[in-house]
Amino acid sequence: MSKDLVRAYYASFGEREWERLTWPEGVLEWAVTIYALKAHLPATGRILDIGGGVGRYSIWLAQQSYKVVLADLSPELIEVAKNKIAEAGVQDQMEAVEVSDVCDLSKWADGSFDAVLCLGPFYHLTEEQDREQAAAELVRVLRPSGTVFVAFMPVYVLLRRTLITESERQHFNDSTFVGQLMNEGVFLNDVQGRFNSGYGVRPQAIAPFFEKHGLTTLDLLSDQGFASTNAEALAELKEHNPAAYQTVLELIIQTANDPSILGMAGHLLYIGKK
């Protein structure tokens, strides 16, 4: 992974990254993720949000009275997070807000956290060595019986985004690009300013990967459930028929771990216990 490329990609996000979870797709991601957090977090404790960007989940955790450490690879996103945390008035619950790399959590001791959120870094860990190191670090800083939440991109979402992005469709003429993505999950994009250094997974590989690092798998969820391509229609339903919207949202959450939809998810959320 080129960390400089990843930093450069996120450097200009700022408010856009903050607003992302208010967009139709983001609303679904938020709903499913918050459901999972409520279901699996301890009642109290200290939580590391590594790769937490502008801090939306960290702020929510702080509002639930958890002690939170927020860290991200991007200095620009961390600066935005500091401002948002101040606006939310949750500074007292935030132990630290700083730049850090998921592959090196050495500033935190073994067993430091009751839970760890990692909702972004694995999107960009194109090297197997980095993925192994990141997983080992997540487990190391987790206390016994602690829970980890890790987000992934399925390989097919990277194919979909290439298909719908006109400036990137020429990649389908490149057999090396296609082969590398399909065989290794590695997405390398030469279009300036676009998503790059991506890593896509197949759902069936996630649990065995973490289990060899000592975790017990609790769940694997599609962050948008069966509505991954219908988020805008769902947003319209929310506006015009709130009761029906609530029914659909509950169905999305109830079926988010259906194996038949995981491969076509926008993102996947792995939940494991040490």
Protein backbone atom coordinates (compact mmCIF):
# COMPACT_ATOMS: atom_id res chain seq x y z
CA MET A 1 0.00 0.00 0.00
CA SER A 2 1.21 3.50 -0.78
CA LYS A 3 0.29 5.35 2.39
CA ASP A 4 1.11 8.65 0.71
CA LEU A 5 -1.52 7.93 -1.95
CA VAL A 6 -4.09 7.09 0.70
CA ARG A 7 -3.29 10.24 2.70
CA ALA A 8 -3.50 12.35 -0.45
CA TYR A 9 -6.87 10.83 -1.39
CA TYR A 10 -8.44 11.66 1.97
CA ALA A 11 -6.67 15.01 2.45
CA SER A 12 -9.37 16.97 0.64
CA PHE A 13 -12.39 15.12 2.06
CA GLY A 14 -13.01 17.13 5.22
CA GLU A 15 -16.67 18.10 5.47
CA ARG A 16 -17.55 15.72 2.65
CA GLU A 17 -16.39 12.79 4.77
CA TRP A 18 -18.37 14.15 7.72
CA GLU A 19 -21.53 14.38 5.62
CA ARG A 20 -21.08 10.96 3.98
CA LEU A 21 -23.12 9.14 6.62
CA THR A 22 -26.07 11.45 5.98
CA TRP A 23 -26.27 10.44 2.30
CA PRO A 24 -28.77 7.65 1.44
CA GLU A 25 -26.11 4.92 1.38
CA GLY A 26 -24.47 6.34 4.49
CA VAL A 27 -27.72 6.37 6.45
CA LEU A 28 -28.00 2.63 5.91
CA GLU A 29 -24.38 2.04 6.83
CA TRP A 30 -24.86 4.05 10.01
CA ALA A 31 -28.05 2.20 10.99
CA VAL A 32 -26.55 -1.28 10.54
CA THR A 33 -23.26 -0.35 12.23
CA ILE A 34 -24.93 1.28 15.23
CA TYR A 35 -27.18 -1.79 15.58
CA ALA A 36 -24.07 -3.99 15.65
CA LEU A 37 -22.29 -1.76 18.15
CA LYS A 38 -25.28 -1.75 20.49
CA ALA A 39 -25.56 -5.53 20.21
CA HIS A 40 -21.92 -6.35 20.91
CA LEU A 41 -20.22 -3.56 22.85
CA PRO A 42 -19.77 -3.93 26.61
CA ALA A 43 -21.88 -1.66 28.80
CA THR A 44 -18.85 0.47 29.66
CA GLY A 45 -15.20 0.60 28.70
CA ARG A 46 -12.35 2.06 26.68
CA ILE A 47 -12.57 1.92 22.90
CA LEU A 48 -10.05 2.49 20.12
CA ASP A 49 -11.49 3.87 16.87
CA ILE A 50 -8.57 3.32 14.49
CA GLY A 51 -9.13 4.73 11.02
CA GLY A 52 -12.04 6.69 12.47
CA GLY A 53 -11.51 9.66 10.17
CA VAL A 54 -13.59 12.69 11.09
CA GLY A 55 -14.92 10.98 14.18
CA ARG A 56 -18.62 10.32 13.66
CA TYR A 57 -18.52 6.95 15.40
CA SER A 58 -16.12 8.22 18.06
CA ILE A 59 -18.51 11.04 18.92
CA TRP A 60 -21.43 8.59 19.16
CA LEU A 61 -19.37 6.33 21.42
CA ALA A 62 -18.43 9.28 23.61
CA GLN A 63 -22.08 10.26 23.84
CA GLN A 64 -22.78 6.74 25.16
CA SER A 65 -20.22 7.44 27.93
CA TYR A 66 -17.41 5.25 26.59
CA LYS A 67 -13.82 6.47 26.89
CA VAL A 68 -12.55 6.80 23.32
CA VAL A 69 -9.24 7.03 21.49
CA LEU A 70 -9.63 8.22 17.90
CA ALA A 71 -6.77 7.70 15.47
CA ASP A 72 -6.44 7.96 11.70
CA LEU A 73 -3.74 7.94 9.02
CA SER A 74 -4.90 11.33 7.68
CA PRO A 75 -3.78 14.47 9.55
CA GLU A 76 -6.42 16.49 7.70
CA LEU A 77 -9.29 14.25 8.83
CA ILE A 78 -7.98 14.29 12.40
CA GLU A 79 -8.10 18.09 12.40
CA VAL A 80 -11.72 17.98 11.24
CA ALA A 81 -12.46 15.42 13.96
CA LYS A 82 -11.03 17.69 16.66
CA ASN A 83 -13.38 20.48 15.57
CA LYS A 84 -16.41 18.15 15.44
CA ILE A 85 -15.61 16.73 18.86
CA ALA A 86 -15.45 20.25 20.29
CA GLU A 87 -18.77 21.16 18.64
CA ALA A 88 -20.36 18.02 20.15
CA GLY A 89 -18.98 18.86 23.58
CA VAL A 90 -17.59 15.38 24.25
CA GLN A 91 -13.95 16.27 24.82
CA ASP A 92 -14.01 14.83 28.34
CA GLN A 93 -14.75 11.35 26.96
CA MET A 94 -11.96 11.52 24.35
CA GLU A 95 -8.63 10.30 25.71
CA ALA A 96 -6.75 11.08 22.51
CA VAL A 97 -7.32 12.26 18.94
CA GLU A 98 -4.22 11.65 16.88
CA VAL A 99 -2.54 10.42 13.72
CA SER A 100 -1.71 6.72 13.73
CA ASP A 101 -1.33 3.71 11.43
CA VAL A 102 -3.32 0.50 11.98
CA CYS A 103 -0.19 -1.51 11.19
CA ASP A 104 1.64 0.01 14.16
CA LEU A 105 -0.33 0.46 17.36
CA SER A 106 2.80 0.27 19.51
CA LYS A 107 1.89 3.43 21.44
CA TRP A 108 -0.81 1.33 23.14
CA ALA A 109 -0.02 -1.56 25.44
CA ASP A 110 -1.30 -5.11 25.15
CA GLY A 111 -4.90 -5.46 26.29
CA SER A 112 -5.54 -1.72 26.42
CA PHE A 113 -9.06 -1.63 25.02
CA ASP A 114 -12.41 -3.27 25.70
CA ALA A 115 -13.32 -2.90 22.00
CA VAL A 116 -11.68 -1.78 18.78
CA LEU A 117 -13.35 -0.25 15.74
CA CYS A 118 -11.47 -0.46 12.46
CA LEU A 119 -13.99 0.86 9.93
CA GLY A 120 -11.82 1.81 7.00
CA PRO A 121 -8.12 0.88 7.08
CA PHE A 122 -8.58 -2.59 5.56
CA TYR A 123 -10.04 -0.94 2.42
CA HIS A 124 -6.47 0.05 1.58
CA LEU A 125 -4.23 -2.75 2.85
CA THR A 126 -3.20 -4.17 -0.51
CA GLU A 127 -0.18 -6.05 0.88
CA GLU A 128 -0.79 -9.34 2.70
CA GLN A 129 1.96 -8.50 5.18
CA ASP A 130 0.16 -5.28 6.14
CA ARG A 131 -3.14 -7.10 6.63
CA GLU A 132 -1.50 -9.70 8.85
CA GLN A 133 0.27 -7.02 10.86
CA ALA A 134 -2.90 -4.94 11.24
CA ALA A 135 -4.93 -7.94 12.43
CA ALA A 136 -2.21 -8.91 14.90
CA GLU A 137 -2.13 -5.36 16.28
CA LEU A 138 -5.91 -5.15 16.63
CA VAL A 139 -5.95 -8.39 18.61
CA ARG A 140 -2.91 -7.43 20.69
CA VAL A 141 -4.40 -4.18 22.03
CA LEU A 142 -7.74 -5.86 22.74
CA ARG A 143 -8.46 -7.11 26.25
CA PRO A 144 -9.53 -10.75 26.76
CA SER A 145 -13.23 -11.07 25.84
CA GLY A 146 -12.98 -7.74 24.00
CA THR A 147 -14.76 -7.20 20.68
CA VAL A 148 -13.40 -5.98 17.36
CA PHE A 149 -15.42 -4.44 14.52
CA VAL A 150 -13.66 -4.41 11.14
CA ALA A 151 -15.03 -3.10 7.84
CA PHE A 152 -14.11 -4.49 4.42
CA MET A 153 -14.93 -3.83 0.79
CA PRO A 154 -16.06 -6.86 -1.21
CA VAL A 155 -14.18 -7.28 -4.46
CA TYR A 156 -17.42 -6.85 -6.42
CA VAL A 157 -18.02 -3.35 -5.13
CA LEU A 158 -14.69 -2.36 -6.67
CA LEU A 159 -15.83 -3.84 -9.95
CA ARG A 160 -19.14 -1.96 -9.68
CA ARG A 161 -17.52 1.38 -8.94
CA THR A 162 -15.21 0.93 -11.95
CA LEU A 163 -18.21 0.18 -14.15
CA ILE A 164 -20.22 3.22 -13.08
CA THR A 165 -17.28 5.67 -13.16
CA GLU A 166 -16.93 6.74 -16.78
CA SER A 167 -13.31 7.91 -16.45
CA GLU A 168 -12.27 4.50 -15.11
CA ARG A 169 -14.05 2.08 -17.46
CA GLN A 170 -10.96 1.76 -19.65
CA HIS A 171 -9.47 -0.42 -16.91
CA PHE A 172 -11.61 -3.28 -18.22
CA ASN A 173 -9.38 -3.25 -21.31
CA ASP A 174 -6.37 -3.97 -19.09
CA SER A 175 -6.05 -7.69 -18.38
CA THR A 176 -3.44 -7.01 -15.67
CA PHE A 177 -5.83 -4.70 -13.82
CA VAL A 178 -8.70 -7.18 -14.05
CA GLY A 179 -6.55 -10.18 -13.11
CA GLN A 180 -4.96 -8.42 -10.15
CA LEU A 181 -8.34 -7.38 -8.80
CA MET A 182 -10.04 -10.74 -9.28
CA ASN A 183 -7.14 -12.93 -8.18
CA GLU A 184 -5.58 -10.82 -5.41
CA GLY A 185 -8.28 -8.30 -4.53
CA VAL A 186 -5.86 -5.48 -5.35
CA PHE A 187 -7.35 -2.35 -6.93
CA LEU A 188 -4.76 0.05 -8.35
CA ASN A 189 -6.29 3.07 -10.06
CA ASP A 190 -4.25 5.47 -12.20
CA VAL A 191 -7.02 8.07 -12.54
CA GLN A 192 -5.86 11.14 -10.64
CA GLY A 193 -7.75 11.98 -7.47
CA ARG A 194 -9.90 8.86 -7.48
CA PHE A 195 -10.11 5.99 -4.98
CA ASN A 196 -6.83 4.09 -5.11
CA SER A 197 -4.79 1.39 -3.38
CA GLY A 198 -7.96 -0.54 -2.67
CA TYR A 199 -8.32 -4.06 -1.31
CA GLY A 200 -11.41 -6.15 -2.01
CA VAL A 201 -12.32 -9.39 -0.24
CA ARG A 202 -14.56 -12.37 -0.72
CA PRO A 203 -16.80 -12.74 2.35
CA GLN A 204 -15.94 -16.38 3.00
CA ALA A 205 -12.28 -15.49 3.57
CA ILE A 206 -12.84 -12.98 6.38
CA ALA A 207 -13.72 -15.19 9.34
CA PRO A 208 -10.86 -17.70 8.80
CA PHE A 209 -8.43 -14.78 8.48
CA PHE A 210 -9.31 -13.39 11.91
CA GLU A 211 -9.78 -16.76 13.55
CA LYS A 212 -6.16 -17.65 12.86
CA HIS A 213 -5.30 -14.50 14.83
CA GLY A 214 -7.22 -15.80 17.83
CA LEU A 215 -10.68 -14.29 17.41
CA THR A 216 -14.03 -16.03 17.62
CA THR A 217 -16.38 -14.86 14.87
CA LEU A 218 -19.63 -13.38 16.14
CA ASP A 219 -21.13 -12.04 12.90
CA LEU A 220 -20.50 -10.76 9.38
CA LEU A 221 -22.91 -8.13 8.08
CA SER A 222 -23.68 -6.27 4.88
CA ASP A 223 -23.69 -2.61 5.88
CA GLN A 224 -26.64 -1.85 3.57
CA GLY A 225 -28.32 -5.25 3.56
CA PHE A 226 -30.51 -6.15 0.62
CA ALA A 227 -30.99 -2.42 -0.16
CA SER A 228 -27.38 -1.78 -1.21
CA THR A 229 -28.47 -0.52 -4.64
CA ASN A 230 -31.76 1.00 -3.49
CA ALA A 231 -30.67 3.52 -0.88
CA GLU A 232 -32.22 6.48 -2.69
CA ALA A 233 -35.57 4.70 -2.99
CA LEU A 234 -35.41 3.97 0.72
CA ALA A 235 -34.71 7.65 1.44
CA GLU A 236 -37.82 8.58 -0.56
CA LEU A 237 -39.84 6.03 1.41
CA LYS A 238 -38.61 7.58 4.67
CA GLU A 239 -39.91 10.97 3.55
CA HIS A 240 -43.29 9.83 2.26
CA ASN A 241 -44.13 6.77 4.38
CA PRO A 242 -42.15 6.68 7.65
CA ALA A 243 -43.94 3.59 8.99
CA ALA A 244 -43.12 1.55 5.90
CA TYR A 245 -39.56 2.87 6.00
CA GLN A 246 -39.15 1.62 9.56
CA THR A 247 -40.41 -1.81 8.56
CA VAL A 248 -37.91 -2.02 5.69
CA LEU A 249 -35.06 -0.76 7.87
CA GLU A 250 -35.79 -3.45 10.46
CA LEU A 251 -35.82 -6.08 7.71
CA ILE A 252 -32.47 -4.81 6.44
CA ILE A 253 -30.96 -5.11 9.90
CA GLN A 254 -32.50 -8.53 10.59
CA THR A 255 -31.16 -9.99 7.33
CA ALA A 256 -27.83 -8.14 7.14
CA ASN A 257 -25.89 -11.37 7.76
CA ASP A 258 -27.66 -13.40 5.06
CA PRO A 259 -24.80 -15.13 3.15
CA SER A 260 -26.67 -14.70 -0.13
CA ILE A 261 -26.23 -10.90 -0.05
CA LEU A 262 -22.79 -10.48 1.48
CA GLY A 263 -20.77 -10.62 -1.71
CA MET A 264 -22.70 -7.74 -3.29
CA ALA A 265 -22.58 -5.51 -0.20
CA GLY A 266 -21.23 -1.99 -0.33
CA HIS A 267 -19.15 -2.76 2.75
CA LEU A 268 -18.91 -5.71 5.10
CA LEU A 269 -18.68 -5.51 8.88
CA TYR A 270 -16.86 -8.31 10.68
CA ILE A 271 -17.45 -8.72 14.41
CA GLY A 272 -15.13 -10.93 16.43
CA LYS A 273 -14.35 -11.63 20.08
CA LYS A 274 -10.96 -12.26 21.66
